[in-house]
Amino acid sequence: MFTTKNVEVARHERLIARGAVRLELDHYLEVLVRKPGAFPGSTALEQARSAGRFTPVHDAWWTQAMKIHGERDGTRALIEVLLLGRHMSHEHVVAGLAAALRAGALTADAVALEARKGAQAETEPAPNARTLGQPPATVTSLHEWRLAHLPPDTRPLPSVSHYDQLLRRRRTSGSSHREGGAQ
């Protein structure tokens, strides 16, 4: 355990082997987001895989993200997903990755939304008997979610009647100008 001014900063497992090194992937994410090419071959990634923190679901989502966004941007999207682990439980992030992958939503925002939905579902009452089956893979876009939570818009619809009046005036004044000039 490492502390600064009596505040825990990090906690690492104790390594027994002489000269052993344990890298925590989370500690390198800020650097890797700027240099995503270093991510695939990194020792921290291999150790995270060995420890079970980087799951096959991570790999499957990452593979699809690279197909859609390209290697660099797909890797950056994955690193953004890994950064979610600082604010959400690992289980919720993995569940969010799985839901987003099933739905073909390959953005960090989609994973975050799905992970939050999973966390919210834990705090809500248990589902009734007809919803016990696996829910279909659906992802709500952040834009749709925000719109669904906004109060209804009670303003009247805009009108273009003033513009129509201006056009009518212009047509009538323009025709009288032409008629007056031809006399």
C-alpha atoms as a PDB file:
ATOM      1  CA  MET A   1       0.000   0.000   0.000  1.00  0.00           C
ATOM      2  CA  PHE A   2       1.317   3.449  -0.916  1.00  0.00           C
ATOM      3  CA  THR A   3       0.151   6.524   0.989  1.00  0.00           C
ATOM      4  CA  THR A   4       0.597  10.252   0.633  1.00  0.00           C
ATOM      5  CA  LYS A   5      -0.321  12.432   3.616  1.00  0.00           C
ATOM      6  CA  ASN A   6      -2.130   9.433   5.151  1.00  0.00           C
ATOM      7  CA  VAL A   7      -4.301   8.968   2.034  1.00  0.00           C
ATOM      8  CA  GLU A   8      -4.088   5.642   0.221  1.00  0.00           C
ATOM      9  CA  VAL A   9      -2.936   6.225  -3.343  1.00  0.00           C
ATOM     10  CA  ALA A  10      -2.492   2.660  -4.586  1.00  0.00           C
ATOM     11  CA  ARG A  11      -2.645  -0.928  -3.362  1.00  0.00           C
ATOM     12  CA  HIS A  12      -0.635  -3.732  -4.934  1.00  0.00           C
ATOM     13  CA  GLU A  13      -0.414  -7.430  -4.224  1.00  0.00           C
ATOM     14  CA  ARG A  14       2.774  -8.548  -2.577  1.00  0.00           C
ATOM     15  CA  LEU A  15       5.188 -10.255  -4.958  1.00  0.00           C
ATOM     16  CA  ILE A  16       7.211 -13.101  -3.526  1.00  0.00           C
ATOM     17  CA  ALA A  17       9.685 -13.813  -6.328  1.00  0.00           C
ATOM     18  CA  ARG A  18      12.909 -11.860  -6.303  1.00  0.00           C
ATOM     19  CA  GLY A  19      12.958  -9.136  -8.958  1.00  0.00           C
ATOM     20  CA  ALA A  20       9.299  -9.720  -9.848  1.00  0.00           C
ATOM     21  CA  VAL A  21       7.445  -6.788 -11.330  1.00  0.00           C
ATOM     22  CA  ARG A  22       3.681  -6.269 -11.367  1.00  0.00           C
ATOM     23  CA  LEU A  23       2.398  -3.459 -13.580  1.00  0.00           C
ATOM     24  CA  GLU A  24      -1.097  -2.090 -13.074  1.00  0.00           C
ATOM     25  CA  LEU A  25      -2.661  -1.339 -16.486  1.00  0.00           C
ATOM     26  CA  ASP A  26      -4.761   1.470 -15.019  1.00  0.00           C
ATOM     27  CA  HIS A  27      -1.615   3.424 -14.130  1.00  0.00           C
ATOM     28  CA  TYR A  28      -0.607   3.654 -17.807  1.00  0.00           C
ATOM     29  CA  LEU A  29      -3.917   4.546 -19.456  1.00  0.00           C
ATOM     30  CA  GLU A  30      -3.302   8.301 -19.760  1.00  0.00           C
ATOM     31  CA  VAL A  31      -0.024   7.666 -21.593  1.00  0.00           C
ATOM     32  CA  LEU A  32      -1.515   4.905 -23.747  1.00  0.00           C
ATOM     33  CA  VAL A  33      -4.433   7.048 -24.906  1.00  0.00           C
ATOM     34  CA  ARG A  34      -1.851   9.423 -26.419  1.00  0.00           C
ATOM     35  CA  LYS A  35       0.235   6.547 -27.808  1.00  0.00           C
ATOM     36  CA  PRO A  36      -2.275   3.790 -28.591  1.00  0.00           C
ATOM     37  CA  GLY A  37       0.247   1.892 -30.710  1.00  0.00           C
ATOM     38  CA  ALA A  38       2.100   0.927 -27.516  1.00  0.00           C
ATOM     39  CA  PHE A  39      -0.983  -0.720 -26.013  1.00  0.00           C
ATOM     40  CA  PRO A  40      -1.205  -4.097 -27.849  1.00  0.00           C
ATOM     41  CA  GLY A  41       2.290  -5.289 -26.910  1.00  0.00           C
ATOM     42  CA  SER A  42       2.465  -3.754 -23.449  1.00  0.00           C
ATOM     43  CA  THR A  43       3.535  -5.779 -20.436  1.00  0.00           C
ATOM     44  CA  ALA A  44       0.769  -4.162 -18.392  1.00  0.00           C
ATOM     45  CA  LEU A  45      -1.843  -5.527 -20.837  1.00  0.00           C
ATOM     46  CA  GLU A  46      -0.377  -9.044 -20.695  1.00  0.00           C
ATOM     47  CA  GLN A  47      -0.364  -8.961 -16.907  1.00  0.00           C
ATOM     48  CA  ALA A  48      -3.964  -7.691 -16.868  1.00  0.00           C
ATOM     49  CA  ARG A  49      -4.936 -10.618 -19.135  1.00  0.00           C
ATOM     50  CA  SER A  50      -3.131 -13.092 -16.869  1.00  0.00           C
ATOM     51  CA  ALA A  51      -4.861 -11.677 -13.800  1.00  0.00           C
ATOM     52  CA  GLY A  52      -8.290 -11.896 -15.483  1.00  0.00           C
ATOM     53  CA  ARG A  53      -8.835  -8.129 -15.477  1.00  0.00           C
ATOM     54  CA  PHE A  54      -8.698  -7.966 -19.285  1.00  0.00           C
ATOM     55  CA  THR A  55     -11.290 -10.497 -20.356  1.00  0.00           C
ATOM     56  CA  PRO A  56     -12.205 -12.168 -23.659  1.00  0.00           C
ATOM     57  CA  VAL A  57     -15.148  -9.721 -23.772  1.00  0.00           C
ATOM     58  CA  HIS A  58     -12.626  -6.859 -23.779  1.00  0.00           C
ATOM     59  CA  ASP A  59     -10.740  -8.533 -26.620  1.00  0.00           C
ATOM     60  CA  ALA A  60     -13.895  -9.183 -28.674  1.00  0.00           C
ATOM     61  CA  TRP A  61     -15.116  -5.579 -28.284  1.00  0.00           C
ATOM     62  CA  TRP A  62     -11.648  -4.236 -29.091  1.00  0.00           C
ATOM     63  CA  THR A  63     -11.392  -6.378 -32.235  1.00  0.00           C
ATOM     64  CA  GLN A  64     -14.737  -5.093 -33.510  1.00  0.00           C
ATOM     65  CA  ALA A  65     -13.895  -1.492 -32.567  1.00  0.00           C
ATOM     66  CA  MET A  66     -10.659  -1.702 -34.571  1.00  0.00           C
ATOM     67  CA  LYS A  67     -12.567  -3.082 -37.583  1.00  0.00           C
ATOM     68  CA  ILE A  68     -15.016  -0.183 -37.458  1.00  0.00           C
ATOM     69  CA  HIS A  69     -12.822   2.730 -36.302  1.00  0.00           C
ATOM     70  CA  GLY A  70      -9.368   1.614 -37.404  1.00  0.00           C
ATOM     71  CA  GLU A  71      -6.558   0.300 -35.231  1.00  0.00           C
ATOM     72  CA  ARG A  72      -5.566   3.582 -33.565  1.00  0.00           C
ATOM     73  CA  ASP A  73      -9.067   4.949 -32.881  1.00  0.00           C
ATOM     74  CA  GLY A  74     -10.444   1.525 -31.918  1.00  0.00           C
ATOM     75  CA  THR A  75      -7.635   1.151 -29.372  1.00  0.00           C
ATOM     76  CA  ARG A  76      -8.285   4.654 -28.049  1.00  0.00           C
ATOM     77  CA  ALA A  77     -11.961   3.775 -27.634  1.00  0.00           C
ATOM     78  CA  LEU A  78     -10.965   0.683 -25.642  1.00  0.00           C
ATOM     79  CA  ILE A  79      -8.666   2.745 -23.426  1.00  0.00           C
ATOM     80  CA  GLU A  80     -11.571   5.131 -22.761  1.00  0.00           C
ATOM     81  CA  VAL A  81     -13.615   2.091 -21.747  1.00  0.00           C
ATOM     82  CA  LEU A  82     -10.829   0.965 -19.413  1.00  0.00           C
ATOM     83  CA  LEU A  83     -10.825   4.427 -17.833  1.00  0.00           C
ATOM     84  CA  LEU A  84     -14.467   3.817 -16.864  1.00  0.00           C
ATOM     85  CA  GLY A  85     -13.111   1.297 -14.360  1.00  0.00           C
ATOM     86  CA  ARG A  86     -12.023   4.194 -12.173  1.00  0.00           C
ATOM     87  CA  HIS A  87     -15.648   5.150 -11.550  1.00  0.00           C
ATOM     88  CA  MET A  88     -17.518   1.880 -12.055  1.00  0.00           C
ATOM     89  CA  SER A  89     -17.077  -1.670 -10.912  1.00  0.00           C
ATOM     90  CA  HIS A  90     -15.178  -4.034 -13.181  1.00  0.00           C
ATOM     91  CA  GLU A  91     -18.229  -6.294 -13.434  1.00  0.00           C
ATOM     92  CA  HIS A  92     -20.456  -3.450 -14.654  1.00  0.00           C
ATOM     93  CA  VAL A  93     -17.911  -2.374 -17.266  1.00  0.00           C
ATOM     94  CA  VAL A  94     -17.593  -5.947 -18.573  1.00  0.00           C
ATOM     95  CA  ALA A  95     -21.397  -6.277 -18.668  1.00  0.00           C
ATOM     96  CA  GLY A  96     -21.564  -2.935 -20.527  1.00  0.00           C
ATOM     97  CA  LEU A  97     -18.961  -4.173 -23.014  1.00  0.00           C
ATOM     98  CA  ALA A  98     -20.922  -7.382 -23.602  1.00  0.00           C
ATOM     99  CA  ALA A  99     -24.236  -5.536 -24.122  1.00  0.00           C
ATOM    100  CA  ALA A 100     -22.660  -2.959 -26.413  1.00  0.00           C
ATOM    101  CA  LEU A 101     -20.915  -5.704 -28.410  1.00  0.00           C
ATOM    102  CA  ARG A 102     -24.178  -7.643 -28.874  1.00  0.00           C
ATOM    103  CA  ALA A 103     -25.843  -4.478 -30.133  1.00  0.00           C
ATOM    104  CA  GLY A 104     -22.908  -3.460 -32.344  1.00  0.00           C
ATOM    105  CA  ALA A 105     -22.388  -0.232 -30.381  1.00  0.00           C
ATOM    106  CA  LEU A 106     -18.646   0.245 -30.465  1.00  0.00           C
ATOM    107  CA  THR A 107     -18.150   3.522 -28.614  1.00  0.00           C
ATOM    108  CA  ALA A 108     -17.015   4.170 -25.060  1.00  0.00           C
ATOM    109  CA  ASP A 109     -20.202   6.193 -24.476  1.00  0.00           C
ATOM    110  CA  ALA A 110     -22.361   3.190 -25.364  1.00  0.00           C
ATOM    111  CA  VAL A 111     -20.396   0.970 -22.985  1.00  0.00           C
ATOM    112  CA  ALA A 112     -20.693   3.578 -20.222  1.00  0.00           C
ATOM    113  CA  LEU A 113     -24.444   3.831 -20.720  1.00  0.00           C
ATOM    114  CA  GLU A 114     -24.883   0.055 -20.681  1.00  0.00           C
ATOM    115  CA  ALA A 115     -22.670  -0.269 -17.590  1.00  0.00           C
ATOM    116  CA  ARG A 116     -24.739   2.394 -15.800  1.00  0.00           C
ATOM    117  CA  LYS A 117     -27.929   0.585 -16.790  1.00  0.00           C
ATOM    118  CA  GLY A 118     -26.510  -2.601 -15.273  1.00  0.00           C
ATOM    119  CA  ALA A 119     -25.565  -0.803 -12.073  1.00  0.00           C
ATOM    120  CA  GLN A 120     -29.015   0.788 -11.908  1.00  0.00           C
ATOM    121  CA  ALA A 121     -30.708  -2.578 -12.415  1.00  0.00           C
ATOM    122  CA  GLU A 122     -28.980  -3.884  -9.277  1.00  0.00           C
ATOM    123  CA  THR A 123     -30.558  -1.164  -7.159  1.00  0.00           C
ATOM    124  CA  GLU A 124     -34.055  -1.511  -8.665  1.00  0.00           C
ATOM    125  CA  PRO A 125     -36.601  -4.149  -7.570  1.00  0.00           C
ATOM    126  CA  ALA A 126     -36.355  -7.651  -9.034  1.00  0.00           C
ATOM    127  CA  PRO A 127     -38.060  -8.140 -12.413  1.00  0.00           C
ATOM    128  CA  ASN A 128     -41.375 -10.000 -12.620  1.00  0.00           C
ATOM    129  CA  ALA A 129     -41.658 -13.513 -14.044  1.00  0.00           C
ATOM    130  CA  ARG A 130     -42.206 -12.509 -17.689  1.00  0.00           C
ATOM    131  CA  THR A 131     -38.962 -10.485 -17.892  1.00  0.00           C
ATOM    132  CA  LEU A 132     -36.685 -13.143 -16.406  1.00  0.00           C
ATOM    133  CA  GLY A 133     -35.390 -14.234 -19.830  1.00  0.00           C
ATOM    134  CA  GLN A 134     -32.335 -12.673 -21.418  1.00  0.00           C
ATOM    135  CA  PRO A 135     -33.292  -9.174 -22.559  1.00  0.00           C
ATOM    136  CA  PRO A 136     -32.679  -8.380 -26.212  1.00  0.00           C
ATOM    137  CA  ALA A 137     -29.472  -6.509 -26.921  1.00  0.00           C
ATOM    138  CA  THR A 138     -30.566  -2.931 -27.211  1.00  0.00           C
ATOM    139  CA  VAL A 139     -28.527   0.173 -26.699  1.00  0.00           C
ATOM    140  CA  THR A 140     -30.092   3.539 -26.137  1.00  0.00           C
ATOM    141  CA  SER A 141     -28.084   6.383 -27.541  1.00  0.00           C
ATOM    142  CA  LEU A 142     -27.112   9.060 -25.073  1.00  0.00           C
ATOM    143  CA  HIS A 143     -29.022  11.609 -27.167  1.00  0.00           C
ATOM    144  CA  GLU A 144     -32.240   9.519 -27.049  1.00  0.00           C
ATOM    145  CA  TRP A 145     -31.819   8.943 -23.317  1.00  0.00           C
ATOM    146  CA  ARG A 146     -31.463  12.671 -22.658  1.00  0.00           C
ATOM    147  CA  LEU A 147     -34.513  13.435 -24.808  1.00  0.00           C
ATOM    148  CA  ALA A 148     -36.566  10.839 -22.935  1.00  0.00           C
ATOM    149  CA  HIS A 149     -35.721  12.502 -19.627  1.00  0.00           C
ATOM    150  CA  LEU A 150     -36.497  16.072 -20.699  1.00  0.00           C
ATOM    151  CA  PRO A 151     -39.809  17.696 -19.762  1.00  0.00           C
ATOM    152  CA  PRO A 152     -42.273  18.079 -22.640  1.00  0.00           C
ATOM    153  CA  ASP A 153     -41.851  21.154 -24.814  1.00  0.00           C
ATOM    154  CA  THR A 154     -45.034  23.230 -24.424  1.00  0.00           C
ATOM    155  CA  ARG A 155     -43.941  26.108 -26.636  1.00  0.00           C
ATOM    156  CA  PRO A 156     -46.124  26.762 -29.699  1.00  0.00           C
ATOM    157  CA  LEU A 157     -44.765  25.622 -33.038  1.00  0.00           C
ATOM    158  CA  PRO A 158     -42.957  28.341 -34.969  1.00  0.00           C
ATOM    159  CA  SER A 159     -44.877  30.160 -37.656  1.00  0.00           C
ATOM    160  CA  VAL A 160     -43.718  31.577 -40.973  1.00  0.00           C
ATOM    161  CA  SER A 161     -46.810  33.724 -41.517  1.00  0.00           C
ATOM    162  CA  HIS A 162     -44.831  36.968 -41.070  1.00  0.00           C
ATOM    163  CA  TYR A 163     -42.435  35.844 -43.771  1.00  0.00           C
ATOM    164  CA  ASP A 164     -45.375  34.999 -46.041  1.00  0.00           C
ATOM    165  CA  GLN A 165     -46.777  38.514 -45.526  1.00  0.00           C
ATOM    166  CA  LEU A 166     -43.434  40.047 -46.495  1.00  0.00           C
ATOM    167  CA  LEU A 167     -43.323  37.949 -49.659  1.00  0.00           C
ATOM    168  CA  ARG A 168     -46.858  39.003 -50.608  1.00  0.00           C
ATOM    169  CA  ARG A 169     -45.989  42.688 -50.087  1.00  0.00           C
ATOM    170  CA  ARG A 170     -42.871  42.336 -52.187  1.00  0.00           C
ATOM    171  CA  ARG A 171     -44.795  40.674 -55.020  1.00  0.00           C
ATOM    172  CA  THR A 172     -47.529  43.324 -55.028  1.00  0.00           C
ATOM    173  CA  SER A 173     -45.137  46.269 -54.753  1.00  0.00           C
ATOM    174  CA  GLY A 174     -42.846  44.800 -57.412  1.00  0.00           C
ATOM    175  CA  SER A 175     -45.684  44.357 -59.916  1.00  0.00           C
ATOM    176  CA  SER A 176     -46.941  47.924 -59.414  1.00  0.00           C
ATOM    177  CA  HIS A 177     -43.406  49.221 -59.991  1.00  0.00           C
ATOM    178  CA  ARG A 178     -43.175  47.390 -63.264  1.00  0.00           C
ATOM    179  CA  GLU A 179     -46.643  48.544 -64.334  1.00  0.00           C
ATOM    180  CA  GLY A 180     -45.904  52.150 -63.353  1.00  0.00           C
ATOM    181  CA  GLY A 181     -42.614  52.221 -65.235  1.00  0.00           C
ATOM    182  CA  ALA A 182     -44.138  50.882 -68.462  1.00  0.00           C
ATOM    183  CA  GLN A 183     -46.688  53.650 -68.803  1.00  0.00           C
END
